[in-house]
Amino acid sequence: MSVDQRLIESQKNWIPLEANPKVLTKFMQGLGVSKDWKFCDIYGIDDGLLEMIPSPCIAVILLFPITPEYEDKRINLEKELKEKGQILSDKVYFMKQYIGNACGTIGVIHSVLNNANVMEFNENGFFRQFLDQTTSLSTEERAISLMKNGEIEKSHEISALQGQSNVPHEDESVILHFVSFVHVDGHLYELDGRNSFAINHGKSSPETLLKDTAKVLQMMIDENPAEIRFNLMGLVKKQEGDEDDEEEQEEEEKPEEKK
């Protein structure tokens, strides 16, 4: 058995991240993304609600329930695409998921690194270094690199403990899963680390990313109308006067308490 295979088989589960924009924003920025970028809630997929999302929105993260029906469809689609093929740009950054409950972190990585051309990184931060180290690697090798990276594991753990919901045990079964949607090279891609490759959902553009993603999500909802556990977040550029910025400024301006 190879060292990497032993690593995969012995890898423990992580504590799941909460679908909380503030938690994911702090997590992302702590790993070296400029504070000009943040995650925000997307409250629905009708045109009116999508128009409320700040522009540019460069990625969408979806948290949704893994049902037997969804798993059957996912596996069948992957088999079909392996046989028929699909347009898959070599500019897409995709990695496998070998760590239990790490889908939130991998969703953030997919969202950020597929937009490295428009985002600003700290040169000494995780994202810049990980991108430089793994760009030429395979999807499996990228997953191994993530498993060996102590910085990302520690950051994930800290962020997982910052949410508002009850923190599940790292070995507790979690049926909710994060995936990312991004625009690359004129197409909309769904990035799910449980798959062998990214899924191309057709033509798209930076301007239509939100509406194109909404069409895919509407199909998911139509296939399982009784399910309401969907949570959407967008990766957006901060706008002048954002409440988050004002809160941070207020914190900085608070006088130190006397001891």
C-alpha atoms as a PDB file:
ATOM      1  CA  MET A   1       0.000   0.000   0.000  1.00  0.00           C
ATOM      2  CA  SER A   2       1.363   3.438  -0.923  1.00  0.00           C
ATOM      3  CA  VAL A   3       1.909   6.204   1.612  1.00  0.00           C
ATOM      4  CA  ASP A   4      -0.814   8.303  -0.008  1.00  0.00           C
ATOM      5  CA  GLN A   5      -3.298   5.425   0.067  1.00  0.00           C
ATOM      6  CA  ARG A   6      -2.604   4.871   3.771  1.00  0.00           C
ATOM      7  CA  LEU A   7      -3.155   8.589   4.322  1.00  0.00           C
ATOM      8  CA  ILE A   8      -6.530   8.453   2.586  1.00  0.00           C
ATOM      9  CA  GLU A   9      -7.716   5.432   4.553  1.00  0.00           C
ATOM     10  CA  SER A  10      -6.601   6.848   7.911  1.00  0.00           C
ATOM     11  CA  GLN A  11      -7.862  10.413   7.383  1.00  0.00           C
ATOM     12  CA  LYS A  12     -10.313  11.452  10.090  1.00  0.00           C
ATOM     13  CA  ASN A  13     -13.469  13.427   9.463  1.00  0.00           C
ATOM     14  CA  TRP A  14     -13.514  17.174  10.031  1.00  0.00           C
ATOM     15  CA  ILE A  15     -16.247  19.077  11.861  1.00  0.00           C
ATOM     16  CA  PRO A  16     -18.729  20.390   9.257  1.00  0.00           C
ATOM     17  CA  LEU A  17     -18.748  24.099   8.449  1.00  0.00           C
ATOM     18  CA  GLU A  18     -21.946  26.063   8.952  1.00  0.00           C
ATOM     19  CA  ALA A  19     -23.578  27.700   5.923  1.00  0.00           C
ATOM     20  CA  ASN A  20     -23.001  31.125   7.414  1.00  0.00           C
ATOM     21  CA  PRO A  21     -21.670  33.928   5.165  1.00  0.00           C
ATOM     22  CA  LYS A  22     -19.822  35.685   7.990  1.00  0.00           C
ATOM     23  CA  VAL A  23     -18.106  32.464   9.046  1.00  0.00           C
ATOM     24  CA  LEU A  24     -17.075  31.615   5.480  1.00  0.00           C
ATOM     25  CA  THR A  25     -15.930  35.179   4.824  1.00  0.00           C
ATOM     26  CA  LYS A  26     -13.686  35.221   7.891  1.00  0.00           C
ATOM     27  CA  PHE A  27     -12.392  31.756   6.981  1.00  0.00           C
ATOM     28  CA  MET A  28     -11.612  32.821   3.401  1.00  0.00           C
ATOM     29  CA  GLN A  29      -9.955  36.096   4.378  1.00  0.00           C
ATOM     30  CA  GLY A  30      -7.897  34.372   7.061  1.00  0.00           C
ATOM     31  CA  LEU A  31      -6.434  32.170   4.327  1.00  0.00           C
ATOM     32  CA  GLY A  32      -5.194  35.118   2.321  1.00  0.00           C
ATOM     33  CA  VAL A  33      -8.070  36.561   0.269  1.00  0.00           C
ATOM     34  CA  SER A  34      -8.381  40.348   0.130  1.00  0.00           C
ATOM     35  CA  LYS A  35     -11.006  41.861   2.436  1.00  0.00           C
ATOM     36  CA  ASP A  36     -12.601  43.330  -0.692  1.00  0.00           C
ATOM     37  CA  TRP A  37     -14.411  40.006  -1.105  1.00  0.00           C
ATOM     38  CA  LYS A  38     -17.061  38.348   1.032  1.00  0.00           C
ATOM     39  CA  PHE A  39     -19.872  35.778   1.026  1.00  0.00           C
ATOM     40  CA  CYS A  40     -23.485  36.892   1.242  1.00  0.00           C
ATOM     41  CA  ASP A  41     -26.841  35.155   1.574  1.00  0.00           C
ATOM     42  CA  ILE A  42     -28.930  34.528  -1.535  1.00  0.00           C
ATOM     43  CA  TYR A  43     -32.528  34.352  -0.306  1.00  0.00           C
ATOM     44  CA  GLY A  44     -34.144  32.880  -3.399  1.00  0.00           C
ATOM     45  CA  ILE A  45     -33.720  32.195  -7.092  1.00  0.00           C
ATOM     46  CA  ASP A  46     -36.447  34.353  -8.626  1.00  0.00           C
ATOM     47  CA  ASP A  47     -35.242  37.356 -10.630  1.00  0.00           C
ATOM     48  CA  GLY A  48     -36.205  39.929  -8.006  1.00  0.00           C
ATOM     49  CA  LEU A  49     -34.162  38.303  -5.256  1.00  0.00           C
ATOM     50  CA  LEU A  50     -31.195  37.648  -7.550  1.00  0.00           C
ATOM     51  CA  GLU A  51     -31.123  41.323  -8.532  1.00  0.00           C
ATOM     52  CA  MET A  52     -30.527  42.185  -4.875  1.00  0.00           C
ATOM     53  CA  ILE A  53     -27.155  40.403  -4.897  1.00  0.00           C
ATOM     54  CA  PRO A  54     -24.166  42.770  -5.190  1.00  0.00           C
ATOM     55  CA  SER A  55     -22.272  42.717  -8.463  1.00  0.00           C
ATOM     56  CA  PRO A  56     -19.938  41.198  -9.353  1.00  0.00           C
ATOM     57  CA  CYS A  57     -20.992  37.814  -7.964  1.00  0.00           C
ATOM     58  CA  ILE A  58     -18.284  35.412  -9.097  1.00  0.00           C
ATOM     59  CA  ALA A  59     -19.351  32.122  -7.483  1.00  0.00           C
ATOM     60  CA  VAL A  60     -22.348  30.484  -5.819  1.00  0.00           C
ATOM     61  CA  ILE A  61     -22.125  27.955  -3.011  1.00  0.00           C
ATOM     62  CA  LEU A  62     -25.078  25.637  -2.464  1.00  0.00           C
ATOM     63  CA  LEU A  63     -25.767  23.597   0.664  1.00  0.00           C
ATOM     64  CA  PHE A  64     -28.344  20.877   0.037  1.00  0.00           C
ATOM     65  CA  PRO A  65     -29.454  17.457   1.345  1.00  0.00           C
ATOM     66  CA  ILE A  66     -27.956  14.287  -0.076  1.00  0.00           C
ATOM     67  CA  THR A  67     -30.918  12.024  -0.791  1.00  0.00           C
ATOM     68  CA  PRO A  68     -30.868   8.521  -2.303  1.00  0.00           C
ATOM     69  CA  GLU A  69     -32.591   9.915  -5.389  1.00  0.00           C
ATOM     70  CA  TYR A  70     -29.967  12.626  -5.811  1.00  0.00           C
ATOM     71  CA  GLU A  71     -27.129  10.130  -5.365  1.00  0.00           C
ATOM     72  CA  ASP A  72     -28.572   7.815  -8.015  1.00  0.00           C
ATOM     73  CA  LYS A  73     -28.849  10.706 -10.450  1.00  0.00           C
ATOM     74  CA  ARG A  74     -25.328  11.988  -9.666  1.00  0.00           C
ATOM     75  CA  ILE A  75     -23.740   8.572 -10.201  1.00  0.00           C
ATOM     76  CA  ASN A  76     -25.678   7.960 -13.422  1.00  0.00           C
ATOM     77  CA  LEU A  77     -24.774  11.401 -14.780  1.00  0.00           C
ATOM     78  CA  GLU A  78     -21.098  10.826 -14.060  1.00  0.00           C
ATOM     79  CA  LYS A  79     -21.217   7.496 -15.893  1.00  0.00           C
ATOM     80  CA  GLU A  80     -22.997   9.097 -18.841  1.00  0.00           C
ATOM     81  CA  LEU A  81     -20.471  11.925 -19.094  1.00  0.00           C
ATOM     82  CA  LYS A  82     -17.567   9.483 -18.916  1.00  0.00           C
ATOM     83  CA  GLU A  83     -19.041   7.659 -21.917  1.00  0.00           C
ATOM     84  CA  LYS A  84     -20.208  10.633 -23.985  1.00  0.00           C
ATOM     85  CA  GLY A  85     -17.735  13.284 -22.858  1.00  0.00           C
ATOM     86  CA  GLN A  86     -18.346  16.997 -22.260  1.00  0.00           C
ATOM     87  CA  ILE A  87     -16.692  20.352 -22.793  1.00  0.00           C
ATOM     88  CA  LEU A  88     -14.245  20.729 -19.902  1.00  0.00           C
ATOM     89  CA  SER A  89     -11.960  23.744 -20.003  1.00  0.00           C
ATOM     90  CA  ASP A  90      -8.406  23.169 -18.815  1.00  0.00           C
ATOM     91  CA  LYS A  91      -8.802  26.455 -16.927  1.00  0.00           C
ATOM     92  CA  VAL A  92     -11.218  24.844 -14.453  1.00  0.00           C
ATOM     93  CA  TYR A  93      -9.605  24.248 -11.054  1.00  0.00           C
ATOM     94  CA  PHE A  94     -11.129  21.071  -9.626  1.00  0.00           C
ATOM     95  CA  MET A  95     -10.123  18.753  -6.812  1.00  0.00           C
ATOM     96  CA  LYS A  96     -11.455  15.546  -5.311  1.00  0.00           C
ATOM     97  CA  GLN A  97     -12.707  15.326  -1.719  1.00  0.00           C
ATOM     98  CA  TYR A  98     -11.025  12.669   0.397  1.00  0.00           C
ATOM     99  CA  ILE A  99     -11.744  14.227   3.819  1.00  0.00           C
ATOM    100  CA  GLY A 100     -15.068  13.618   5.525  1.00  0.00           C
ATOM    101  CA  ASN A 101     -17.149  16.770   6.141  1.00  0.00           C
ATOM    102  CA  ALA A 102     -14.615  18.948   4.267  1.00  0.00           C
ATOM    103  CA  CYS A 103     -17.107  19.854   1.521  1.00  0.00           C
ATOM    104  CA  GLY A 104     -17.551  23.386   2.884  1.00  0.00           C
ATOM    105  CA  THR A 105     -13.827  24.072   2.729  1.00  0.00           C
ATOM    106  CA  ILE A 106     -13.555  22.518  -0.725  1.00  0.00           C
ATOM    107  CA  GLY A 107     -16.532  24.609  -1.870  1.00  0.00           C
ATOM    108  CA  VAL A 108     -14.686  27.742  -0.766  1.00  0.00           C
ATOM    109  CA  ILE A 109     -11.472  26.576  -2.457  1.00  0.00           C
ATOM    110  CA  HIS A 110     -13.313  25.862  -5.723  1.00  0.00           C
ATOM    111  CA  SER A 111     -15.070  29.244  -5.563  1.00  0.00           C
ATOM    112  CA  VAL A 112     -11.869  31.182  -4.893  1.00  0.00           C
ATOM    113  CA  LEU A 113      -9.308  29.417  -7.062  1.00  0.00           C
ATOM    114  CA  ASN A 114     -11.530  29.442 -10.142  1.00  0.00           C
ATOM    115  CA  ASN A 115     -11.547  33.219  -9.788  1.00  0.00           C
ATOM    116  CA  ALA A 116      -7.849  33.726  -9.098  1.00  0.00           C
ATOM    117  CA  ASN A 117      -7.703  35.993 -12.144  1.00  0.00           C
ATOM    118  CA  VAL A 118     -10.009  38.584 -10.553  1.00  0.00           C
ATOM    119  CA  MET A 119      -9.361  38.187  -6.808  1.00  0.00           C
ATOM    120  CA  GLU A 120      -6.464  39.571  -4.812  1.00  0.00           C
ATOM    121  CA  PHE A 121      -4.403  37.203  -2.629  1.00  0.00           C
ATOM    122  CA  ASN A 122      -1.877  37.711   0.125  1.00  0.00           C
ATOM    123  CA  GLU A 123       1.364  36.376  -1.378  1.00  0.00           C
ATOM    124  CA  ASN A 124       2.163  34.499   1.846  1.00  0.00           C
ATOM    125  CA  GLY A 125      -1.376  33.226   2.408  1.00  0.00           C
ATOM    126  CA  PHE A 126      -2.752  29.733   1.942  1.00  0.00           C
ATOM    127  CA  PHE A 127      -4.613  30.359  -1.312  1.00  0.00           C
ATOM    128  CA  ARG A 128      -1.667  31.842  -3.214  1.00  0.00           C
ATOM    129  CA  GLN A 129       0.722  29.135  -2.033  1.00  0.00           C
ATOM    130  CA  PHE A 130      -1.745  26.269  -2.548  1.00  0.00           C
ATOM    131  CA  LEU A 131      -2.587  27.452  -6.058  1.00  0.00           C
ATOM    132  CA  ASP A 132       1.092  27.710  -6.975  1.00  0.00           C
ATOM    133  CA  GLN A 133       1.801  24.254  -5.524  1.00  0.00           C
ATOM    134  CA  THR A 134      -1.149  22.397  -7.036  1.00  0.00           C
ATOM    135  CA  THR A 135      -1.968  24.017 -10.402  1.00  0.00           C
ATOM    136  CA  SER A 136      -0.063  21.352 -12.348  1.00  0.00           C
ATOM    137  CA  LEU A 137      -1.318  18.433 -10.208  1.00  0.00           C
ATOM    138  CA  SER A 138      -4.157  16.005 -10.905  1.00  0.00           C
ATOM    139  CA  THR A 139      -7.505  16.255  -9.108  1.00  0.00           C
ATOM    140  CA  GLU A 140      -6.463  13.373  -6.835  1.00  0.00           C
ATOM    141  CA  GLU A 141      -3.039  14.864  -6.093  1.00  0.00           C
ATOM    142  CA  ARG A 142      -4.666  18.170  -5.143  1.00  0.00           C
ATOM    143  CA  ALA A 143      -6.851  16.294  -2.653  1.00  0.00           C
ATOM    144  CA  ILE A 144      -3.769  14.624  -1.153  1.00  0.00           C
ATOM    145  CA  SER A 145      -2.045  18.018  -0.861  1.00  0.00           C
ATOM    146  CA  LEU A 146      -5.048  19.361   1.033  1.00  0.00           C
ATOM    147  CA  MET A 147      -4.998  16.409   3.422  1.00  0.00           C
ATOM    148  CA  LYS A 148      -1.333  17.045   4.195  1.00  0.00           C
ATOM    149  CA  ASN A 149      -1.841  20.779   4.820  1.00  0.00           C
ATOM    150  CA  GLY A 150      -2.004  21.509   8.532  1.00  0.00           C
ATOM    151  CA  GLU A 151      -2.860  25.197   8.064  1.00  0.00           C
ATOM    152  CA  ILE A 152      -6.126  24.542   6.255  1.00  0.00           C
ATOM    153  CA  GLU A 153      -7.174  21.834   8.724  1.00  0.00           C
ATOM    154  CA  LYS A 154      -6.634  24.156  11.681  1.00  0.00           C
ATOM    155  CA  SER A 155      -8.433  27.052   9.965  1.00  0.00           C
ATOM    156  CA  HIS A 156     -11.362  24.774   9.111  1.00  0.00           C
ATOM    157  CA  GLU A 157     -11.629  23.594  12.710  1.00  0.00           C
ATOM    158  CA  ILE A 158     -11.607  27.156  14.083  1.00  0.00           C
ATOM    159  CA  SER A 159     -14.271  28.256  11.591  1.00  0.00           C
ATOM    160  CA  ALA A 160     -16.447  25.202  12.253  1.00  0.00           C
ATOM    161  CA  LEU A 161     -16.646  26.211  15.910  1.00  0.00           C
ATOM    162  CA  GLN A 162     -17.704  29.801  15.166  1.00  0.00           C
ATOM    163  CA  GLY A 163     -21.189  29.207  13.781  1.00  0.00           C
ATOM    164  CA  GLN A 164     -24.501  29.759  15.534  1.00  0.00           C
ATOM    165  CA  SER A 165     -25.851  26.227  15.246  1.00  0.00           C
ATOM    166  CA  ASN A 166     -24.922  23.276  17.423  1.00  0.00           C
ATOM    167  CA  VAL A 167     -21.561  21.858  16.405  1.00  0.00           C
ATOM    168  CA  PRO A 168     -21.863  18.179  15.412  1.00  0.00           C
ATOM    169  CA  HIS A 169     -19.216  15.670  16.392  1.00  0.00           C
ATOM    170  CA  GLU A 170     -16.608  15.139  13.686  1.00  0.00           C
ATOM    171  CA  ASP A 171     -17.732  11.508  13.254  1.00  0.00           C
ATOM    172  CA  GLU A 172     -21.460  12.333  13.192  1.00  0.00           C
ATOM    173  CA  SER A 173     -23.210  11.462   9.944  1.00  0.00           C
ATOM    174  CA  VAL A 174     -23.973  14.638   7.960  1.00  0.00           C
ATOM    175  CA  ILE A 175     -26.353  14.426   4.988  1.00  0.00           C
ATOM    176  CA  LEU A 176     -25.998  18.065   3.919  1.00  0.00           C
ATOM    177  CA  HIS A 177     -23.400  18.828   1.282  1.00  0.00           C
ATOM    178  CA  PHE A 178     -21.713  21.915  -0.222  1.00  0.00           C
ATOM    179  CA  VAL A 179     -21.032  22.356  -3.936  1.00  0.00           C
ATOM    180  CA  SER A 180     -19.825  25.385  -5.876  1.00  0.00           C
ATOM    181  CA  PHE A 181     -20.943  26.907  -9.178  1.00  0.00           C
ATOM    182  CA  VAL A 182     -18.544  29.082 -11.182  1.00  0.00           C
ATOM    183  CA  HIS A 183     -18.182  30.553 -14.640  1.00  0.00           C
ATOM    184  CA  VAL A 184     -15.049  29.504 -16.518  1.00  0.00           C
ATOM    185  CA  ASP A 185     -14.256  30.023 -20.186  1.00  0.00           C
ATOM    186  CA  GLY A 186     -17.837  30.717 -21.266  1.00  0.00           C
ATOM    187  CA  HIS A 187     -19.522  27.872 -19.375  1.00  0.00           C
ATOM    188  CA  LEU A 188     -21.194  27.215 -16.008  1.00  0.00           C
ATOM    189  CA  TYR A 189     -19.477  24.482 -13.993  1.00  0.00           C
ATOM    190  CA  GLU A 190     -20.715  22.590 -10.947  1.00  0.00           C
ATOM    191  CA  LEU A 191     -17.834  21.573  -8.680  1.00  0.00           C
ATOM    192  CA  ASP A 192     -18.508  18.682  -6.301  1.00  0.00           C
ATOM    193  CA  GLY A 193     -15.462  16.947  -4.834  1.00  0.00           C
ATOM    194  CA  ARG A 194     -17.304  13.622  -4.700  1.00  0.00           C
ATOM    195  CA  ASN A 195     -17.343  13.528  -8.499  1.00  0.00           C
ATOM    196  CA  SER A 196     -14.399  12.625 -10.677  1.00  0.00           C
ATOM    197  CA  PHE A 197     -14.582  15.901 -12.612  1.00  0.00           C
ATOM    198  CA  ALA A 198     -16.448  19.193 -12.902  1.00  0.00           C
ATOM    199  CA  ILE A 199     -19.919  19.122 -14.489  1.00  0.00           C
ATOM    200  CA  ASN A 200     -20.581  21.501 -17.391  1.00  0.00           C
ATOM    201  CA  HIS A 201     -24.118  22.948 -17.264  1.00  0.00           C
ATOM    202  CA  GLY A 202     -23.922  24.868 -20.510  1.00  0.00           C
ATOM    203  CA  LYS A 203     -22.989  28.299 -21.760  1.00  0.00           C
ATOM    204  CA  SER A 204     -22.710  31.135 -19.279  1.00  0.00           C
ATOM    205  CA  SER A 205     -20.972  34.453 -18.654  1.00  0.00           C
ATOM    206  CA  PRO A 206     -19.870  36.516 -15.646  1.00  0.00           C
ATOM    207  CA  GLU A 207     -23.021  38.622 -16.049  1.00  0.00           C
ATOM    208  CA  THR A 208     -25.427  35.652 -16.191  1.00  0.00           C
ATOM    209  CA  LEU A 209     -23.754  33.369 -13.617  1.00  0.00           C
ATOM    210  CA  LEU A 210     -26.482  33.896 -11.008  1.00  0.00           C
ATOM    211  CA  LYS A 211     -29.421  33.310 -13.350  1.00  0.00           C
ATOM    212  CA  ASP A 212     -27.739  30.337 -15.017  1.00  0.00           C
ATOM    213  CA  THR A 213     -27.067  28.760 -11.617  1.00  0.00           C
ATOM    214  CA  ALA A 214     -30.677  29.454 -10.597  1.00  0.00           C
ATOM    215  CA  LYS A 215     -31.910  27.397 -13.582  1.00  0.00           C
ATOM    216  CA  VAL A 216     -29.866  24.401 -12.425  1.00  0.00           C
ATOM    217  CA  LEU A 217     -31.138  24.777  -8.869  1.00  0.00           C
ATOM    218  CA  GLN A 218     -34.738  25.049 -10.071  1.00  0.00           C
ATOM    219  CA  MET A 219     -34.348  21.675 -11.773  1.00  0.00           C
ATOM    220  CA  MET A 220     -33.057  20.200  -8.494  1.00  0.00           C
ATOM    221  CA  ILE A 221     -36.025  21.644  -6.625  1.00  0.00           C
ATOM    222  CA  ASP A 222     -38.505  20.400  -9.238  1.00  0.00           C
ATOM    223  CA  GLU A 223     -37.103  16.895  -8.890  1.00  0.00           C
ATOM    224  CA  ASN A 224     -37.554  16.971  -5.103  1.00  0.00           C
ATOM    225  CA  PRO A 225     -40.362  19.490  -4.351  1.00  0.00           C
ATOM    226  CA  ALA A 226     -40.900  18.329  -0.757  1.00  0.00           C
ATOM    227  CA  GLU A 227     -37.339  19.199   0.230  1.00  0.00           C
ATOM    228  CA  ILE A 228     -36.774  22.670   1.678  1.00  0.00           C
ATOM    229  CA  ARG A 229     -33.239  22.347   3.039  1.00  0.00           C
ATOM    230  CA  PHE A 230     -31.453  24.482   0.460  1.00  0.00           C
ATOM    231  CA  ASN A 231     -29.069  27.284   1.384  1.00  0.00           C
ATOM    232  CA  LEU A 232     -27.394  29.614  -1.118  1.00  0.00           C
ATOM    233  CA  MET A 233     -24.480  32.012  -0.735  1.00  0.00           C
ATOM    234  CA  GLY A 234     -22.736  34.212  -3.269  1.00  0.00           C
ATOM    235  CA  LEU A 235     -19.091  35.246  -3.410  1.00  0.00           C
ATOM    236  CA  VAL A 236     -19.246  38.972  -4.107  1.00  0.00           C
ATOM    237  CA  LYS A 237     -17.139  42.102  -4.051  1.00  0.00           C
ATOM    238  CA  LYS A 238     -17.865  44.341  -1.086  1.00  0.00           C
ATOM    239  CA  GLN A 239     -19.797  47.515  -1.782  1.00  0.00           C
ATOM    240  CA  GLU A 240     -19.047  50.879  -0.242  1.00  0.00           C
ATOM    241  CA  GLY A 241     -20.958  51.241   3.005  1.00  0.00           C
ATOM    242  CA  ASP A 242     -21.441  47.489   3.602  1.00  0.00           C
ATOM    243  CA  GLU A 243     -22.681  46.771   7.123  1.00  0.00           C
ATOM    244  CA  ASP A 244     -19.796  44.350   7.682  1.00  0.00           C
ATOM    245  CA  ASP A 245     -17.303  47.127   6.945  1.00  0.00           C
ATOM    246  CA  GLU A 246     -19.085  49.486   9.309  1.00  0.00           C
ATOM    247  CA  GLU A 247     -19.095  46.884  12.082  1.00  0.00           C
ATOM    248  CA  GLU A 248     -15.373  46.252  11.616  1.00  0.00           C
ATOM    249  CA  GLN A 249     -14.677  49.985  11.720  1.00  0.00           C
ATOM    250  CA  GLU A 250     -16.712  50.373  14.907  1.00  0.00           C
ATOM    251  CA  GLU A 251     -14.743  47.548  16.531  1.00  0.00           C
ATOM    252  CA  GLU A 252     -11.471  49.208  15.578  1.00  0.00           C
ATOM    253  CA  GLU A 253     -12.624  52.565  16.965  1.00  0.00           C
ATOM    254  CA  LYS A 254     -13.768  51.206  20.338  1.00  0.00           C
ATOM    255  CA  PRO A 255     -11.500  52.406  23.149  1.00  0.00           C
ATOM    256  CA  GLU A 256      -9.648  49.770  25.091  1.00  0.00           C
ATOM    257  CA  GLU A 257     -11.340  48.769  28.321  1.00  0.00           C
ATOM    258  CA  LYS A 258      -9.531  49.758  31.480  1.00  0.00           C
ATOM    259  CA  LYS A 259      -8.133  46.875  33.432  1.00  0.00           C
END
